[in-house]
Amino acid sequence: MPMAAAALFSIAPQPLPKTPLPAGRPRAWYETHNRRLKAMRLAIALLDTGVYHPSQAPDRKIRTTAERIGIHPPSDTTCRMVRTLIRYGR
């Protein structure tokens, strides 16, 4: 049975197909939406590296993580949002 389980997990997960965002919303909605997505990506990456508490995630560490995973450096607002996600995601 362990071989079957290993065979199941040897396949890399595929990302879900992206759907277009709804049209006609104010620009601020799209900016906030994209900021949240970026913050979630960063929070997941930080959790994967062992950062489980907001005090362990200063702006510098968040920006270094962003560079490591290949996304643009986040703003101060996005860094605060990342720490909030880590805080309330527990």
PDB file of N, CA and C in Angstrom:
ATOM      1  N   MET A   1       0.805  -1.211   0.000  1.00  0.00           N
ATOM      2  CA  MET A   1       0.000   0.000   0.000  1.00  0.00           C
ATOM      3  C   MET A   1       0.845   1.272   0.000  1.00  0.00           C
ATOM      4  N   PRO A   2       1.995   1.312   0.713  1.00  0.00           N
ATOM      5  CA  PRO A   2       2.794   2.541   0.690  1.00  0.00           C
ATOM      6  C   PRO A   2       3.262   2.918  -0.710  1.00  0.00           C
ATOM      7  N   MET A   3       3.507   1.943  -1.575  1.00  0.00           N
ATOM      8  CA  MET A   3       3.917   2.251  -2.941  1.00  0.00           C
ATOM      9  C   MET A   3       2.809   2.983  -3.691  1.00  0.00           C
ATOM     10  N   ALA A   4       1.563   2.581  -3.464  1.00  0.00           N
ATOM     11  CA  ALA A   4       0.443   3.233  -4.140  1.00  0.00           C
ATOM     12  C   ALA A   4       0.312   4.680  -3.664  1.00  0.00           C
ATOM     13  N   ALA A   5       0.510   4.896  -2.373  1.00  0.00           N
ATOM     14  CA  ALA A   5       0.433   6.259  -1.844  1.00  0.00           C
ATOM     15  C   ALA A   5       1.565   7.110  -2.408  1.00  0.00           C
ATOM     16  N   ALA A   6       2.748   6.526  -2.532  1.00  0.00           N
ATOM     17  CA  ALA A   6       3.871   7.264  -3.097  1.00  0.00           C
ATOM     18  C   ALA A   6       3.613   7.616  -4.554  1.00  0.00           C
ATOM     19  N   ALA A   7       2.962   6.712  -5.267  1.00  0.00           N
ATOM     20  CA  ALA A   7       2.648   6.979  -6.673  1.00  0.00           C
ATOM     21  C   ALA A   7       1.635   8.113  -6.801  1.00  0.00           C
ATOM     22  N   LEU A   8       0.710   8.217  -5.854  1.00  0.00           N
ATOM     23  CA  LEU A   8      -0.276   9.286  -5.906  1.00  0.00           C
ATOM     24  C   LEU A   8       0.365  10.655  -5.698  1.00  0.00           C
ATOM     25  N   PHE A   9       1.348  10.718  -4.808  1.00  0.00           N
ATOM     26  CA  PHE A   9       1.944  12.002  -4.471  1.00  0.00           C
ATOM     27  C   PHE A   9       3.125  12.371  -5.351  1.00  0.00           C
ATOM     28  N   SER A  10       3.531  11.477  -6.237  1.00  0.00           N
ATOM     29  CA  SER A  10       4.651  11.814  -7.105  1.00  0.00           C
ATOM     30  C   SER A  10       4.220  12.762  -8.227  1.00  0.00           C
ATOM     31  N   ILE A  11       2.929  12.894  -8.449  1.00  0.00           N
ATOM     32  CA  ILE A  11       2.417  13.792  -9.477  1.00  0.00           C
ATOM     33  C   ILE A  11       2.301  15.191  -8.865  1.00  0.00           C
ATOM     34  N   ALA A  12       2.928  16.164  -9.506  1.00  0.00           N
ATOM     35  CA  ALA A  12       2.889  17.529  -8.987  1.00  0.00           C
ATOM     36  C   ALA A  12       1.493  18.120  -9.166  1.00  0.00           C
ATOM     37  N   PRO A  13       1.000  18.857  -8.164  1.00  0.00           N
ATOM     38  CA  PRO A  13      -0.324  19.480  -8.303  1.00  0.00           C
ATOM     39  C   PRO A  13      -0.301  20.547  -9.395  1.00  0.00           C
ATOM     40  N   GLN A  14      -1.371  20.640 -10.132  1.00  0.00           N
ATOM     41  CA  GLN A  14      -1.489  21.616 -11.206  1.00  0.00           C
ATOM     42  C   GLN A  14      -2.320  22.800 -10.722  1.00  0.00           C
ATOM     43  N   PRO A  15      -1.935  24.015 -11.095  1.00  0.00           N
ATOM     44  CA  PRO A  15      -2.733  25.180 -10.687  1.00  0.00           C
ATOM     45  C   PRO A  15      -4.098  25.178 -11.369  1.00  0.00           C
ATOM     46  N   LEU A  16      -5.054  25.745 -10.701  1.00  0.00           N
ATOM     47  CA  LEU A  16      -6.391  25.851 -11.271  1.00  0.00           C
ATOM     48  C   LEU A  16      -6.380  26.845 -12.424  1.00  0.00           C
ATOM     49  N   PRO A  17      -7.206  26.629 -13.421  1.00  0.00           N
ATOM     50  CA  PRO A  17      -7.249  27.600 -14.523  1.00  0.00           C
ATOM     51  C   PRO A  17      -7.790  28.941 -14.030  1.00  0.00           C
ATOM     52  N   LYS A  18      -7.200  30.014 -14.526  1.00  0.00           N
ATOM     53  CA  LYS A  18      -7.626  31.345 -14.102  1.00  0.00           C
ATOM     54  C   LYS A  18      -8.872  31.765 -14.862  1.00  0.00           C
ATOM     55  N   THR A  19      -9.757  32.436 -14.154  1.00  0.00           N
ATOM     56  CA  THR A  19     -10.958  32.964 -14.791  1.00  0.00           C
ATOM     57  C   THR A  19     -10.845  34.487 -14.816  1.00  0.00           C
ATOM     58  N   PRO A  20     -11.403  35.126 -15.812  1.00  0.00           N
ATOM     59  CA  PRO A  20     -11.291  36.584 -15.872  1.00  0.00           C
ATOM     60  C   PRO A  20     -12.049  37.242 -14.719  1.00  0.00           C
ATOM     61  N   LEU A  21     -11.525  38.385 -14.293  1.00  0.00           N
ATOM     62  CA  LEU A  21     -12.194  39.138 -13.229  1.00  0.00           C
ATOM     63  C   LEU A  21     -13.454  39.784 -13.781  1.00  0.00           C
ATOM     64  N   PRO A  22     -14.452  40.009 -12.931  1.00  0.00           N
ATOM     65  CA  PRO A  22     -15.683  40.631 -13.408  1.00  0.00           C
ATOM     66  C   PRO A  22     -15.435  42.060 -13.882  1.00  0.00           C
ATOM     67  N   ALA A  23     -16.070  42.419 -14.946  1.00  0.00           N
ATOM     68  CA  ALA A  23     -15.908  43.768 -15.500  1.00  0.00           C
ATOM     69  C   ALA A  23     -16.835  44.753 -14.794  1.00  0.00           C
ATOM     70  N   GLY A  24     -16.486  46.028 -14.872  1.00  0.00           N
ATOM     71  CA  GLY A  24     -17.365  47.078 -14.379  1.00  0.00           C
ATOM     72  C   GLY A  24     -17.183  47.463 -12.930  1.00  0.00           C
ATOM     73  N   ARG A  25     -16.197  46.921 -12.264  1.00  0.00           N
ATOM     74  CA  ARG A  25     -15.963  47.297 -10.870  1.00  0.00           C
ATOM     75  C   ARG A  25     -15.048  48.514 -10.815  1.00  0.00           C
ATOM     76  N   PRO A  26     -15.067  49.243  -9.715  1.00  0.00           N
ATOM     77  CA  PRO A  26     -14.151  50.377  -9.582  1.00  0.00           C
ATOM     78  C   PRO A  26     -12.694  49.901  -9.529  1.00  0.00           C
ATOM     79  N   ARG A  27     -11.799  50.749  -9.959  1.00  0.00           N
ATOM     80  CA  ARG A  27     -10.378  50.398 -10.001  1.00  0.00           C
ATOM     81  C   ARG A  27      -9.855  49.954  -8.631  1.00  0.00           C
ATOM     82  N   ALA A  28     -10.321  50.588  -7.574  1.00  0.00           N
ATOM     83  CA  ALA A  28      -9.872  50.249  -6.219  1.00  0.00           C
ATOM     84  C   ALA A  28     -10.195  48.793  -5.879  1.00  0.00           C
ATOM     85  N   TRP A  29     -11.298  48.279  -6.402  1.00  0.00           N
ATOM     86  CA  TRP A  29     -11.667  46.884  -6.134  1.00  0.00           C
ATOM     87  C   TRP A  29     -10.618  45.948  -6.711  1.00  0.00           C
ATOM     88  N   TYR A  30     -10.191  46.202  -7.943  1.00  0.00           N
ATOM     89  CA  TYR A  30      -9.189  45.357  -8.591  1.00  0.00           C
ATOM     90  C   TYR A  30      -7.847  45.448  -7.866  1.00  0.00           C
ATOM     91  N   GLU A  31      -7.472  46.653  -7.436  1.00  0.00           N
ATOM     92  CA  GLU A  31      -6.219  46.827  -6.709  1.00  0.00           C
ATOM     93  C   GLU A  31      -6.241  46.050  -5.394  1.00  0.00           C
ATOM     94  N   THR A  32      -7.350  46.140  -4.680  1.00  0.00           N
ATOM     95  CA  THR A  32      -7.480  45.419  -3.413  1.00  0.00           C
ATOM     96  C   THR A  32      -7.477  43.915  -3.637  1.00  0.00           C
ATOM     97  N   HIS A  33      -8.173  43.486  -4.670  1.00  0.00           N
ATOM     98  CA  HIS A  33      -8.240  42.061  -4.987  1.00  0.00           C
ATOM     99  C   HIS A  33      -6.841  41.505  -5.261  1.00  0.00           C
ATOM    100  N   ASN A  34      -6.087  42.197  -6.103  1.00  0.00           N
ATOM    101  CA  ASN A  34      -4.738  41.739  -6.439  1.00  0.00           C
ATOM    102  C   ASN A  34      -3.801  41.813  -5.237  1.00  0.00           C
ATOM    103  N   ARG A  35      -3.991  42.819  -4.395  1.00  0.00           N
ATOM    104  CA  ARG A  35      -3.182  42.935  -3.170  1.00  0.00           C
ATOM    105  C   ARG A  35      -3.444  41.743  -2.255  1.00  0.00           C
ATOM    106  N   ARG A  36      -4.714  41.353  -2.130  1.00  0.00           N
ATOM    107  CA  ARG A  36      -5.052  40.195  -1.286  1.00  0.00           C
ATOM    108  C   ARG A  36      -4.441  38.915  -1.828  1.00  0.00           C
ATOM    109  N   LEU A  37      -4.508  38.734  -3.145  1.00  0.00           N
ATOM    110  CA  LEU A  37      -3.907  37.532  -3.745  1.00  0.00           C
ATOM    111  C   LEU A  37      -2.408  37.485  -3.473  1.00  0.00           C
ATOM    112  N   LYS A  38      -1.743  38.609  -3.642  1.00  0.00           N
ATOM    113  CA  LYS A  38      -0.302  38.677  -3.393  1.00  0.00           C
ATOM    114  C   LYS A  38       0.002  38.387  -1.926  1.00  0.00           C
ATOM    115  N   ALA A  39      -0.783  38.967  -1.023  1.00  0.00           N
ATOM    116  CA  ALA A  39      -0.576  38.745   0.402  1.00  0.00           C
ATOM    117  C   ALA A  39      -0.782  37.273   0.759  1.00  0.00           C
ATOM    118  N   MET A  40      -1.758  36.638   0.146  1.00  0.00           N
ATOM    119  CA  MET A  40      -1.988  35.213   0.418  1.00  0.00           C
ATOM    120  C   MET A  40      -0.820  34.368  -0.071  1.00  0.00           C
ATOM    121  N   ARG A  41      -0.314  34.675  -1.269  1.00  0.00           N
ATOM    122  CA  ARG A  41       0.845  33.936  -1.785  1.00  0.00           C
ATOM    123  C   ARG A  41       2.042  34.075  -0.849  1.00  0.00           C
ATOM    124  N   LEU A  42       2.269  35.303  -0.396  1.00  0.00           N
ATOM    125  CA  LEU A  42       3.393  35.543   0.501  1.00  0.00           C
ATOM    126  C   LEU A  42       3.195  34.870   1.861  1.00  0.00           C
ATOM    127  N   ALA A  43       1.994  34.925   2.388  1.00  0.00           N
ATOM    128  CA  ALA A  43       1.726  34.289   3.686  1.00  0.00           C
ATOM    129  C   ALA A  43       1.942  32.780   3.595  1.00  0.00           C
ATOM    130  N   ILE A  44       1.501  32.167   2.518  1.00  0.00           N
ATOM    131  CA  ILE A  44       1.700  30.729   2.339  1.00  0.00           C
ATOM    132  C   ILE A  44       3.186  30.401   2.249  1.00  0.00           C
ATOM    133  N   ALA A  45       3.931  31.205   1.486  1.00  0.00           N
ATOM    134  CA  ALA A  45       5.371  30.978   1.355  1.00  0.00           C
ATOM    135  C   ALA A  45       6.075  31.127   2.705  1.00  0.00           C
ATOM    136  N   LEU A  46       5.673  32.127   3.494  1.00  0.00           N
ATOM    137  CA  LEU A  46       6.282  32.311   4.809  1.00  0.00           C
ATOM    138  C   LEU A  46       5.941  31.159   5.750  1.00  0.00           C
ATOM    139  N   LEU A  47       4.696  30.712   5.717  1.00  0.00           N
ATOM    140  CA  LEU A  47       4.315  29.574   6.553  1.00  0.00           C
ATOM    141  C   LEU A  47       5.106  28.328   6.162  1.00  0.00           C
ATOM    142  N   ASP A  48       5.345  28.155   4.876  1.00  0.00           N
ATOM    143  CA  ASP A  48       6.135  27.013   4.409  1.00  0.00           C
ATOM    144  C   ASP A  48       7.582  27.076   4.896  1.00  0.00           C
ATOM    145  N   THR A  49       8.089  28.285   5.151  1.00  0.00           N
ATOM    146  CA  THR A  49       9.466  28.421   5.624  1.00  0.00           C
ATOM    147  C   THR A  49       9.562  28.433   7.148  1.00  0.00           C
ATOM    148  N   GLY A  50       8.438  28.281   7.840  1.00  0.00           N
ATOM    149  CA  GLY A  50       8.477  28.185   9.300  1.00  0.00           C
ATOM    150  C   GLY A  50       8.156  29.464  10.040  1.00  0.00           C
ATOM    151  N   VAL A  51       7.614  30.453   9.363  1.00  0.00           N
ATOM    152  CA  VAL A  51       7.209  31.701  10.019  1.00  0.00           C
ATOM    153  C   VAL A  51       5.742  31.535  10.417  1.00  0.00           C
ATOM    154  N   TYR A  52       5.505  31.357  11.728  1.00  0.00           N
ATOM    155  CA  TYR A  52       4.147  31.086  12.206  1.00  0.00           C
ATOM    156  C   TYR A  52       3.576  32.203  13.060  1.00  0.00           C
ATOM    157  N   HIS A  53       4.342  33.261  13.284  1.00  0.00           N
ATOM    158  CA  HIS A  53       3.877  34.354  14.130  1.00  0.00           C
ATOM    159  C   HIS A  53       4.213  35.678  13.455  1.00  0.00           C
ATOM    160  N   PRO A  54       3.311  36.656  13.494  1.00  0.00           N
ATOM    161  CA  PRO A  54       3.556  37.929  12.811  1.00  0.00           C
ATOM    162  C   PRO A  54       4.852  38.624  13.229  1.00  0.00           C
ATOM    163  N   SER A  55       5.270  38.438  14.470  1.00  0.00           N
ATOM    164  CA  SER A  55       6.505  39.089  14.923  1.00  0.00           C
ATOM    165  C   SER A  55       7.742  38.511  14.237  1.00  0.00           C
ATOM    166  N   GLN A  56       7.601  37.329  13.648  1.00  0.00           N
ATOM    167  CA  GLN A  56       8.709  36.701  12.917  1.00  0.00           C
ATOM    168  C   GLN A  56       8.771  37.175  11.467  1.00  0.00           C
ATOM    169  N   ALA A  57       7.856  38.065  11.061  1.00  0.00           N
ATOM    170  CA  ALA A  57       7.766  38.481   9.663  1.00  0.00           C
ATOM    171  C   ALA A  57       7.888  39.994   9.512  1.00  0.00           C
ATOM    172  N   PRO A  58       9.088  40.540   9.689  1.00  0.00           N
ATOM    173  CA  PRO A  58       9.258  41.973   9.413  1.00  0.00           C
ATOM    174  C   PRO A  58       9.184  42.232   7.905  1.00  0.00           C
ATOM    175  N   ASP A  59       9.040  43.486   7.531  1.00  0.00           N
ATOM    176  CA  ASP A  59       8.938  43.837   6.105  1.00  0.00           C
ATOM    177  C   ASP A  59      10.098  43.269   5.300  1.00  0.00           C
ATOM    178  N   ARG A  60      11.277  43.331   5.864  1.00  0.00           N
ATOM    179  CA  ARG A  60      12.468  42.855   5.155  1.00  0.00           C
ATOM    180  C   ARG A  60      12.358  41.370   4.791  1.00  0.00           C
ATOM    181  N   LYS A  61      11.879  40.559   5.731  1.00  0.00           N
ATOM    182  CA  LYS A  61      11.738  39.118   5.478  1.00  0.00           C
ATOM    183  C   LYS A  61      10.652  38.858   4.437  1.00  0.00           C
ATOM    184  N   ILE A  62       9.562  39.608   4.510  1.00  0.00           N
ATOM    185  CA  ILE A  62       8.477  39.444   3.543  1.00  0.00           C
ATOM    186  C   ILE A  62       8.976  39.799   2.144  1.00  0.00           C
ATOM    187  N   ARG A  63       9.729  40.887   2.038  1.00  0.00           N
ATOM    188  CA  ARG A  63      10.244  41.304   0.726  1.00  0.00           C
ATOM    189  C   ARG A  63      11.288  40.317   0.193  1.00  0.00           C
ATOM    190  N   THR A  64      12.094  39.754   1.074  1.00  0.00           N
ATOM    191  CA  THR A  64      13.061  38.741   0.659  1.00  0.00           C
ATOM    192  C   THR A  64      12.338  37.499   0.151  1.00  0.00           C
ATOM    193  N   THR A  65      11.258  37.121   0.829  1.00  0.00           N
ATOM    194  CA  THR A  65      10.456  35.969   0.395  1.00  0.00           C
ATOM    195  C   THR A  65       9.825  36.243  -0.958  1.00  0.00           C
ATOM    196  N   ALA A  66       9.345  37.457  -1.166  1.00  0.00           N
ATOM    197  CA  ALA A  66       8.750  37.822  -2.456  1.00  0.00           C
ATOM    198  C   ALA A  66       9.777  37.674  -3.574  1.00  0.00           C
ATOM    199  N   GLU A  67      10.984  38.124  -3.316  1.00  0.00           N
ATOM    200  CA  GLU A  67      12.045  38.001  -4.320  1.00  0.00           C
ATOM    201  C   GLU A  67      12.360  36.529  -4.597  1.00  0.00           C
ATOM    202  N   ARG A  68      12.387  35.729  -3.532  1.00  0.00           N
ATOM    203  CA  ARG A  68      12.706  34.305  -3.672  1.00  0.00           C
ATOM    204  C   ARG A  68      11.659  33.549  -4.490  1.00  0.00           C
ATOM    205  N   ILE A  69      10.370  33.915  -4.324  1.00  0.00           N
ATOM    206  CA  ILE A  69       9.326  33.204  -5.075  1.00  0.00           C
ATOM    207  C   ILE A  69       9.003  33.873  -6.405  1.00  0.00           C
ATOM    208  N   GLY A  70       9.679  34.991  -6.686  1.00  0.00           N
ATOM    209  CA  GLY A  70       9.567  35.584  -8.012  1.00  0.00           C
ATOM    210  C   GLY A  70       8.418  36.547  -8.227  1.00  0.00           C
ATOM    211  N   ILE A  71       8.051  37.291  -7.190  1.00  0.00           N
ATOM    212  CA  ILE A  71       7.024  38.317  -7.376  1.00  0.00           C
ATOM    213  C   ILE A  71       7.608  39.673  -6.985  1.00  0.00           C
ATOM    214  N   HIS A  72       6.989  40.732  -7.444  1.00  0.00           N
ATOM    215  CA  HIS A  72       7.475  42.082  -7.176  1.00  0.00           C
ATOM    216  C   HIS A  72       7.456  42.361  -5.678  1.00  0.00           C
ATOM    217  N   PRO A  73       8.368  43.190  -5.205  1.00  0.00           N
ATOM    218  CA  PRO A  73       8.389  43.517  -3.772  1.00  0.00           C
ATOM    219  C   PRO A  73       7.071  44.144  -3.325  1.00  0.00           C
ATOM    220  N   PRO A  74       6.529  43.690  -2.218  1.00  0.00           N
ATOM    221  CA  PRO A  74       5.250  44.235  -1.749  1.00  0.00           C
ATOM    222  C   PRO A  74       5.409  45.593  -1.088  1.00  0.00           C
ATOM    223  N   SER A  75       4.322  46.333  -1.079  1.00  0.00           N
ATOM    224  CA  SER A  75       4.294  47.634  -0.407  1.00  0.00           C
ATOM    225  C   SER A  75       4.159  47.416   1.100  1.00  0.00           C
ATOM    226  N   ASP A  76       4.262  48.510   1.842  1.00  0.00           N
ATOM    227  CA  ASP A  76       4.079  48.432   3.299  1.00  0.00           C
ATOM    228  C   ASP A  76       2.683  47.928   3.650  1.00  0.00           C
ATOM    229  N   THR A  77       1.698  48.362   2.865  1.00  0.00           N
ATOM    230  CA  THR A  77       0.314  47.925   3.098  1.00  0.00           C
ATOM    231  C   THR A  77       0.177  46.423   2.909  1.00  0.00           C
ATOM    232  N   THR A  78       0.787  45.898   1.852  1.00  0.00           N
ATOM    233  CA  THR A  78       0.720  44.455   1.605  1.00  0.00           C
ATOM    234  C   THR A  78       1.455  43.690   2.695  1.00  0.00           C
ATOM    235  N   CYS A  79       2.566  44.218   3.178  1.00  0.00           N
ATOM    236  CA  CYS A  79       3.291  43.561   4.267  1.00  0.00           C
ATOM    237  C   CYS A  79       2.424  43.482   5.531  1.00  0.00           C
ATOM    238  N   ARG A  80       1.700  44.562   5.825  1.00  0.00           N
ATOM    239  CA  ARG A  80       0.784  44.529   6.972  1.00  0.00           C
ATOM    240  C   ARG A  80      -0.299  43.479   6.762  1.00  0.00           C
ATOM    241  N   MET A  81      -0.794  43.381   5.528  1.00  0.00           N
ATOM    242  CA  MET A  81      -1.834  42.406   5.229  1.00  0.00           C
ATOM    243  C   MET A  81      -1.308  40.973   5.394  1.00  0.00           C
ATOM    244  N   VAL A  82      -0.059  40.738   5.014  1.00  0.00           N
ATOM    245  CA  VAL A  82       0.552  39.417   5.183  1.00  0.00           C
ATOM    246  C   VAL A  82       0.603  39.057   6.666  1.00  0.00           C
ATOM    247  N   ARG A  83       1.064  40.001   7.492  1.00  0.00           N
ATOM    248  CA  ARG A  83       1.119  39.727   8.930  1.00  0.00           C
ATOM    249  C   ARG A  83      -0.269  39.479   9.515  1.00  0.00           C
ATOM    250  N   THR A  84      -1.262  40.191   9.016  1.00  0.00           N
ATOM    251  CA  THR A  84      -2.635  39.979   9.480  1.00  0.00           C
ATOM    252  C   THR A  84      -3.124  38.585   9.101  1.00  0.00           C
ATOM    253  N   LEU A  85      -2.818  38.155   7.884  1.00  0.00           N
ATOM    254  CA  LEU A  85      -3.211  36.812   7.464  1.00  0.00           C
ATOM    255  C   LEU A  85      -2.538  35.748   8.327  1.00  0.00           C
ATOM    256  N   ILE A  86      -1.272  35.957   8.643  1.00  0.00           N
ATOM    257  CA  ILE A  86      -0.569  34.989   9.499  1.00  0.00           C
ATOM    258  C   ILE A  86      -1.193  34.981  10.889  1.00  0.00           C
ATOM    259  N   ARG A  87      -1.522  36.160  11.405  1.00  0.00           N
ATOM    260  CA  ARG A  87      -2.090  36.266  12.759  1.00  0.00           C
ATOM    261  C   ARG A  87      -3.436  35.558  12.857  1.00  0.00           C
ATOM    262  N   TYR A  88      -4.341  35.851  11.916  1.00  0.00           N
ATOM    263  CA  TYR A  88      -5.704  35.328  12.016  1.00  0.00           C
ATOM    264  C   TYR A  88      -5.893  34.006  11.299  1.00  0.00           C
ATOM    265  N   GLY A  89      -4.858  33.499  10.667  1.00  0.00           N
ATOM    266  CA  GLY A  89      -4.975  32.227   9.977  1.00  0.00           C
ATOM    267  C   GLY A  89      -4.731  31.037  10.894  1.00  0.00           C
ATOM    268  N   ARG A  90      -4.389  31.330  12.156  1.00  0.00           N
ATOM    269  CA  ARG A  90      -4.076  30.226  13.071  1.00  0.00           C
ATOM    270  C   ARG A  90      -5.308  29.637  13.661  1.00  0.00           C
TER     271      ARG A  90
END
